[in-house]
Amino acid sequence: MSFVAELWQFMRVRKKFWLLPIMIMMAVFGGLIVLTKGSAVAPFIYTIF
């Protein structure tokens, strides 16, 4: 959690708020990859794309 706090502090101090949507999308896609790695949810996620 300290990484997230440090990243937020970096974006706030340096006014890099445009990085926030990129980080959110990377987290979402990373979560999808973890879910599709051999789980029962995988067939349902594949139908989205």
PDB file of N, CA and C in Angstrom:
ATOM      1  N   MET A   1       0.811  -1.199   0.000  1.00  0.00           N
ATOM      2  CA  MET A   1       0.000   0.000   0.000  1.00  0.00           C
ATOM      3  C   MET A   1       0.854   1.262   0.000  1.00  0.00           C
ATOM      4  N   SER A   2       2.072   1.162   0.466  1.00  0.00           N
ATOM      5  CA  SER A   2       2.925   2.350   0.478  1.00  0.00           C
ATOM      6  C   SER A   2       3.267   2.786  -0.945  1.00  0.00           C
ATOM      7  N   PHE A   3       3.307   1.806  -1.873  1.00  0.00           N
ATOM      8  CA  PHE A   3       3.576   2.152  -3.266  1.00  0.00           C
ATOM      9  C   PHE A   3       2.457   3.020  -3.825  1.00  0.00           C
ATOM     10  N   VAL A   4       1.221   2.664  -3.523  1.00  0.00           N
ATOM     11  CA  VAL A   4       0.075   3.433  -4.008  1.00  0.00           C
ATOM     12  C   VAL A   4       0.085   4.833  -3.406  1.00  0.00           C
ATOM     13  N   ALA A   5       0.380   4.937  -2.129  1.00  0.00           N
ATOM     14  CA  ALA A   5       0.444   6.242  -1.472  1.00  0.00           C
ATOM     15  C   ALA A   5       1.560   7.095  -2.062  1.00  0.00           C
ATOM     16  N   GLU A   6       2.690   6.477  -2.308  1.00  0.00           N
ATOM     17  CA  GLU A   6       3.817   7.219  -2.890  1.00  0.00           C
ATOM     18  C   GLU A   6       3.514   7.661  -4.319  1.00  0.00           C
ATOM     19  N   LEU A   7       2.855   6.799  -5.078  1.00  0.00           N
ATOM     20  CA  LEU A   7       2.466   7.155  -6.450  1.00  0.00           C
ATOM     21  C   LEU A   7       1.471   8.307  -6.451  1.00  0.00           C
ATOM     22  N   TRP A   8       0.494   8.257  -5.538  1.00  0.00           N
ATOM     23  CA  TRP A   8      -0.488   9.338  -5.443  1.00  0.00           C
ATOM     24  C   TRP A   8       0.186  10.648  -5.052  1.00  0.00           C
ATOM     25  N   GLN A   9       1.131  10.595  -4.131  1.00  0.00           N
ATOM     26  CA  GLN A   9       1.857  11.791  -3.724  1.00  0.00           C
ATOM     27  C   GLN A   9       2.666  12.350  -4.895  1.00  0.00           C
ATOM     28  N   PHE A  10       3.293  11.482  -5.674  1.00  0.00           N
ATOM     29  CA  PHE A  10       4.052  11.918  -6.847  1.00  0.00           C
ATOM     30  C   PHE A  10       3.149  12.640  -7.842  1.00  0.00           C
ATOM     31  N   MET A  11       1.972  12.042  -8.110  1.00  0.00           N
ATOM     32  CA  MET A  11       1.063  12.655  -9.081  1.00  0.00           C
ATOM     33  C   MET A  11       0.510  13.983  -8.559  1.00  0.00           C
ATOM     34  N   ARG A  12       0.250  14.066  -7.267  1.00  0.00           N
ATOM     35  CA  ARG A  12      -0.303  15.288  -6.697  1.00  0.00           C
ATOM     36  C   ARG A  12       0.717  16.417  -6.700  1.00  0.00           C
ATOM     37  N   VAL A  13       1.961  16.115  -6.336  1.00  0.00           N
ATOM     38  CA  VAL A  13       2.983  17.153  -6.245  1.00  0.00           C
ATOM     39  C   VAL A  13       3.389  17.647  -7.630  1.00  0.00           C
ATOM     40  N   ARG A  14       3.550  16.729  -8.571  1.00  0.00           N
ATOM     41  CA  ARG A  14       4.030  17.106  -9.899  1.00  0.00           C
ATOM     42  C   ARG A  14       2.909  17.362 -10.904  1.00  0.00           C
ATOM     43  N   LYS A  15       1.668  17.360 -10.438  1.00  0.00           N
ATOM     44  CA  LYS A  15       0.484  17.636 -11.281  1.00  0.00           C
ATOM     45  C   LYS A  15       0.412  16.693 -12.475  1.00  0.00           C
ATOM     46  N   LYS A  16       0.624  15.405 -12.227  1.00  0.00           N
ATOM     47  CA  LYS A  16       0.588  14.388 -13.275  1.00  0.00           C
ATOM     48  C   LYS A  16      -0.711  13.584 -13.178  1.00  0.00           C
ATOM     49  N   PHE A  17      -1.836  14.272 -13.065  1.00  0.00           N
ATOM     50  CA  PHE A  17      -3.113  13.584 -12.895  1.00  0.00           C
ATOM     51  C   PHE A  17      -3.536  12.827 -14.145  1.00  0.00           C
ATOM     52  N   TRP A  18      -2.929  13.111 -15.282  1.00  0.00           N
ATOM     53  CA  TRP A  18      -3.259  12.379 -16.507  1.00  0.00           C
ATOM     54  C   TRP A  18      -2.781  10.932 -16.429  1.00  0.00           C
ATOM     55  N   LEU A  19      -1.900  10.612 -15.475  1.00  0.00           N
ATOM     56  CA  LEU A  19      -1.439   9.237 -15.291  1.00  0.00           C
ATOM     57  C   LEU A  19      -2.486   8.354 -14.607  1.00  0.00           C
ATOM     58  N   LEU A  20      -3.429   8.968 -13.906  1.00  0.00           N
ATOM     59  CA  LEU A  20      -4.402   8.201 -13.135  1.00  0.00           C
ATOM     60  C   LEU A  20      -5.255   7.269 -14.005  1.00  0.00           C
ATOM     61  N   PRO A  21      -5.833   7.710 -15.131  1.00  0.00           N
ATOM     62  CA  PRO A  21      -6.597   6.767 -15.954  1.00  0.00           C
ATOM     63  C   PRO A  21      -5.754   5.629 -16.517  1.00  0.00           C
ATOM     64  N   ILE A  22      -4.513   5.907 -16.821  1.00  0.00           N
ATOM     65  CA  ILE A  22      -3.620   4.865 -17.335  1.00  0.00           C
ATOM     66  C   ILE A  22      -3.374   3.816 -16.262  1.00  0.00           C
ATOM     67  N   MET A  23      -3.110   4.249 -15.037  1.00  0.00           N
ATOM     68  CA  MET A  23      -2.872   3.320 -13.939  1.00  0.00           C
ATOM     69  C   MET A  23      -4.115   2.489 -13.629  1.00  0.00           C
ATOM     70  N   ILE A  24      -5.286   3.119 -13.689  1.00  0.00           N
ATOM     71  CA  ILE A  24      -6.524   2.392 -13.413  1.00  0.00           C
ATOM     72  C   ILE A  24      -6.755   1.319 -14.469  1.00  0.00           C
ATOM     73  N   MET A  25      -6.563   1.655 -15.743  1.00  0.00           N
ATOM     74  CA  MET A  25      -6.777   0.678 -16.810  1.00  0.00           C
ATOM     75  C   MET A  25      -5.761  -0.458 -16.730  1.00  0.00           C
ATOM     76  N   MET A  26      -4.518  -0.146 -16.353  1.00  0.00           N
ATOM     77  CA  MET A  26      -3.528  -1.206 -16.183  1.00  0.00           C
ATOM     78  C   MET A  26      -3.929  -2.147 -15.060  1.00  0.00           C
ATOM     79  N   ALA A  27      -4.485  -1.605 -13.982  1.00  0.00           N
ATOM     80  CA  ALA A  27      -4.928  -2.442 -12.865  1.00  0.00           C
ATOM     81  C   ALA A  27      -6.118  -3.310 -13.270  1.00  0.00           C
ATOM     82  N   VAL A  28      -7.037  -2.747 -14.048  1.00  0.00           N
ATOM     83  CA  VAL A  28      -8.204  -3.513 -14.501  1.00  0.00           C
ATOM     84  C   VAL A  28      -7.774  -4.655 -15.410  1.00  0.00           C
ATOM     85  N   PHE A  29      -6.934  -4.366 -16.388  1.00  0.00           N
ATOM     86  CA  PHE A  29      -6.480  -5.416 -17.300  1.00  0.00           C
ATOM     87  C   PHE A  29      -5.614  -6.451 -16.573  1.00  0.00           C
ATOM     88  N   GLY A  30      -4.837  -6.005 -15.621  1.00  0.00           N
ATOM     89  CA  GLY A  30      -4.056  -6.954 -14.818  1.00  0.00           C
ATOM     90  C   GLY A  30      -4.953  -7.881 -14.025  1.00  0.00           C
ATOM     91  N   GLY A  31      -6.019  -7.330 -13.469  1.00  0.00           N
ATOM     92  CA  GLY A  31      -6.981  -8.160 -12.752  1.00  0.00           C
ATOM     93  C   GLY A  31      -7.673  -9.150 -13.664  1.00  0.00           C
ATOM     94  N   LEU A  32      -7.992  -8.730 -14.886  1.00  0.00           N
ATOM     95  CA  LEU A  32      -8.604  -9.644 -15.854  1.00  0.00           C
ATOM     96  C   LEU A  32      -7.655 -10.778 -16.213  1.00  0.00           C
ATOM     97  N   ILE A  33      -6.389 -10.466 -16.365  1.00  0.00           N
ATOM     98  CA  ILE A  33      -5.409 -11.507 -16.691  1.00  0.00           C
ATOM     99  C   ILE A  33      -5.301 -12.511 -15.546  1.00  0.00           C
ATOM    100  N   VAL A  34      -5.307 -12.005 -14.316  1.00  0.00           N
ATOM    101  CA  VAL A  34      -5.234 -12.906 -13.163  1.00  0.00           C
ATOM    102  C   VAL A  34      -6.478 -13.783 -13.091  1.00  0.00           C
ATOM    103  N   LEU A  35      -7.644 -13.206 -13.366  1.00  0.00           N
ATOM    104  CA  LEU A  35      -8.879 -13.984 -13.310  1.00  0.00           C
ATOM    105  C   LEU A  35      -8.964 -15.048 -14.404  1.00  0.00           C
ATOM    106  N   THR A  36      -8.425 -14.731 -15.583  1.00  0.00           N
ATOM    107  CA  THR A  36      -8.529 -15.679 -16.691  1.00  0.00           C
ATOM    108  C   THR A  36      -7.462 -16.762 -16.632  1.00  0.00           C
ATOM    109  N   LYS A  37      -6.534 -16.662 -15.740  1.00  0.00           N
ATOM    110  CA  LYS A  37      -5.458 -17.646 -15.629  1.00  0.00           C
ATOM    111  C   LYS A  37      -5.967 -18.897 -14.916  1.00  0.00           C
ATOM    112  N   GLY A  38      -6.700 -19.719 -15.632  1.00  0.00           N
ATOM    113  CA  GLY A  38      -7.132 -21.005 -15.097  1.00  0.00           C
ATOM    114  C   GLY A  38      -8.255 -20.939 -14.094  1.00  0.00           C
ATOM    115  N   SER A  39      -9.215 -20.076 -14.315  1.00  0.00           N
ATOM    116  CA  SER A  39     -10.334 -20.026 -13.383  1.00  0.00           C
ATOM    117  C   SER A  39     -11.636 -20.335 -14.116  1.00  0.00           C
ATOM    118  N   ALA A  40     -12.685 -20.506 -13.348  1.00  0.00           N
ATOM    119  CA  ALA A  40     -13.991 -20.796 -13.935  1.00  0.00           C
ATOM    120  C   ALA A  40     -14.613 -19.543 -14.539  1.00  0.00           C
ATOM    121  N   VAL A  41     -14.064 -18.377 -14.243  1.00  0.00           N
ATOM    122  CA  VAL A  41     -14.589 -17.114 -14.760  1.00  0.00           C
ATOM    123  C   VAL A  41     -14.086 -16.853 -16.176  1.00  0.00           C
ATOM    124  N   ALA A  42     -13.026 -17.528 -16.586  1.00  0.00           N
ATOM    125  CA  ALA A  42     -12.368 -17.265 -17.867  1.00  0.00           C
ATOM    126  C   ALA A  42     -13.310 -17.304 -19.063  1.00  0.00           C
ATOM    127  N   PRO A  43     -14.173 -18.300 -19.244  1.00  0.00           N
ATOM    128  CA  PRO A  43     -15.045 -18.301 -20.427  1.00  0.00           C
ATOM    129  C   PRO A  43     -15.965 -17.088 -20.501  1.00  0.00           C
ATOM    130  N   PHE A  44     -16.381 -16.578 -19.358  1.00  0.00           N
ATOM    131  CA  PHE A  44     -17.268 -15.416 -19.359  1.00  0.00           C
ATOM    132  C   PHE A  44     -16.523 -14.139 -19.701  1.00  0.00           C
ATOM    133  N   ILE A  45     -15.257 -14.048 -19.300  1.00  0.00           N
ATOM    134  CA  ILE A  45     -14.463 -12.858 -19.614  1.00  0.00           C
ATOM    135  C   ILE A  45     -14.087 -12.872 -21.097  1.00  0.00           C
ATOM    136  N   TYR A  46     -13.816 -14.040 -21.667  1.00  0.00           N
ATOM    137  CA  TYR A  46     -13.477 -14.113 -23.075  1.00  0.00           C
ATOM    138  C   TYR A  46     -14.626 -13.664 -23.957  1.00  0.00           C
ATOM    139  N   THR A  47     -15.857 -13.848 -23.532  1.00  0.00           N
ATOM    140  CA  THR A  47     -16.995 -13.420 -24.350  1.00  0.00           C
ATOM    141  C   THR A  47     -17.137 -11.916 -24.399  1.00  0.00           C
ATOM    142  N   ILE A  48     -16.566 -11.215 -23.431  1.00  0.00           N
ATOM    143  CA  ILE A  48     -16.624  -9.741 -23.446  1.00  0.00           C
ATOM    144  C   ILE A  48     -15.827  -9.212 -24.625  1.00  0.00           C
ATOM    145  N   PHE A  49     -14.707  -9.829 -24.919  1.00  0.00           N
ATOM    146  CA  PHE A  49     -13.839  -9.346 -25.987  1.00  0.00           C
ATOM    147  C   PHE A  49     -14.101 -10.119 -27.246  1.00  0.00           C
TER     148      PHE A  49
END
